[in-house]
């Protein structure tokens, strides 16, 4: 991860990833802060969580590509390729509007 993203200094994770398993998995990466985004137990109903909306928005953008709406791919490489294509498509549309 550090080779691909050398400027990464903070990792945001869902509350489901809280615990020693995540900390052990990234313990070898120096100067990486882990921030677990949790929902308060005292709040009922829908609550916007800090930084989590960025991930949810990105998933919504990617799922506009019908190929990614379901798990049709037989290999990880194929899935990664379609994610890249969907990201390029979105970026090109954004640049074209500007």
Protein backbone atom coordinates (compact mmCIF):
# COMPACT_ATOMS: atom_id res chain seq x y z
CA UNK A 1 0.00 0.00 0.00
CA UNK A 2 2.81 2.40 0.87
CA UNK A 3 4.47 1.79 -2.52
CA UNK A 4 1.31 2.74 -4.42
CA UNK A 5 0.34 5.65 -2.15
CA UNK A 6 3.48 7.09 -0.49
CA UNK A 7 1.65 10.21 0.71
CA UNK A 8 -0.95 8.21 2.67
CA UNK A 9 -0.83 9.20 6.35
CA UNK A 10 -4.33 8.41 7.63
CA UNK A 11 -6.56 5.39 7.11
CA UNK A 12 -10.29 5.64 7.76
CA UNK A 13 -12.04 2.36 8.55
CA UNK A 14 -15.61 1.34 9.33
CA UNK A 15 -16.52 0.35 12.88
CA UNK A 16 -16.67 -3.29 11.76
CA UNK A 17 -12.89 -3.21 11.30
CA UNK A 18 -12.15 -2.06 14.84
CA UNK A 19 -9.89 -4.42 16.72
CA UNK A 20 -6.51 -6.02 16.70
CA UNK A 21 -6.84 -7.72 13.31
CA UNK A 22 -6.66 -4.41 11.39
CA UNK A 23 -3.98 -2.96 13.65
CA UNK A 24 -1.85 -6.08 13.21
CA UNK A 25 -2.33 -6.02 9.42
CA UNK A 26 -1.03 -2.45 9.10
CA UNK A 27 1.43 -2.44 12.01
CA UNK A 28 4.44 -2.71 9.67
CA UNK A 29 3.51 0.58 7.94
CA UNK A 30 5.26 3.43 9.69
CA UNK A 31 3.57 6.77 10.35
CA UNK A 32 0.08 5.55 9.42
CA UNK A 33 -2.73 6.72 11.69
CA UNK A 34 -5.88 4.60 11.80
CA UNK A 35 -9.19 6.36 12.44
CA UNK A 36 -12.17 4.08 13.12
CA UNK A 37 -15.46 5.78 12.17
CA UNK A 38 -18.15 4.52 14.53
CA UNK A 39 -21.83 5.26 14.93
CA UNK A 40 -22.97 6.39 18.35
CA UNK A 41 -25.13 3.84 20.19
CA UNK A 42 -27.28 6.60 21.69
CA UNK A 43 -28.53 7.93 18.33
CA UNK A 44 -31.56 6.38 16.63
CA UNK A 45 -32.23 6.52 12.91
CA UNK A 46 -30.02 7.81 10.12
CA UNK A 47 -26.92 9.77 11.07
CA UNK A 48 -24.26 11.13 8.71
CA UNK A 49 -20.87 9.87 9.86
CA UNK A 50 -17.69 11.85 9.30
CA UNK A 51 -15.67 10.73 6.25
CA UNK A 52 -17.94 7.73 5.66
CA UNK A 53 -20.08 9.66 3.18
CA UNK A 54 -17.06 9.96 0.88
CA UNK A 55 -16.85 6.18 0.56
CA UNK A 56 -20.61 5.76 0.16
CA UNK A 57 -20.70 8.47 -2.53
CA UNK A 58 -17.88 6.77 -4.42
CA UNK A 59 -19.67 3.42 -4.29
CA UNK A 60 -22.81 5.11 -5.64
CA UNK A 61 -20.84 6.63 -8.53
CA UNK A 62 -19.24 3.30 -9.38
CA UNK A 63 -22.54 1.42 -9.22
CA UNK A 64 -23.92 3.63 -11.98
CA UNK A 65 -21.88 1.39 -14.25
CA UNK A 66 -24.25 -1.54 -14.81
CA UNK A 67 -21.39 -4.01 -15.06
CA UNK A 68 -20.43 -3.24 -11.44
CA UNK A 69 -24.00 -3.36 -10.08
CA UNK A 70 -23.74 -7.15 -9.68
CA UNK A 71 -20.82 -9.47 -9.14
CA UNK A 72 -20.51 -10.88 -12.65
CA UNK A 73 -16.75 -11.12 -12.87
CA UNK A 74 -14.97 -14.47 -12.56
CA UNK A 75 -11.58 -13.04 -11.59
CA UNK A 76 -10.19 -10.26 -9.43
CA UNK A 77 -8.22 -8.88 -12.38
CA UNK A 78 -11.42 -8.49 -14.39
CA UNK A 79 -13.17 -6.76 -11.49
CA UNK A 80 -10.24 -4.37 -11.05
CA UNK A 81 -10.26 -3.60 -14.77
CA UNK A 82 -13.96 -2.73 -14.72
CA UNK A 83 -13.47 -0.54 -11.64
CA UNK A 84 -10.72 1.30 -13.49
CA UNK A 85 -12.93 1.71 -16.57
CA UNK A 86 -15.80 3.06 -14.46
CA UNK A 87 -13.45 5.51 -12.70
CA UNK A 88 -12.01 6.71 -16.01
CA UNK A 89 -15.51 7.12 -17.42
CA UNK A 90 -16.58 9.23 -14.47
CA UNK A 91 -13.44 11.37 -14.60
CA UNK A 92 -13.79 11.97 -18.35
CA UNK A 93 -17.42 13.05 -17.91
CA UNK A 94 -16.40 15.40 -15.09
CA UNK A 95 -13.63 16.97 -17.19
CA UNK A 96 -15.90 17.25 -20.24
CA UNK A 97 -18.48 19.21 -18.24
CA UNK A 98 -15.83 21.63 -17.04
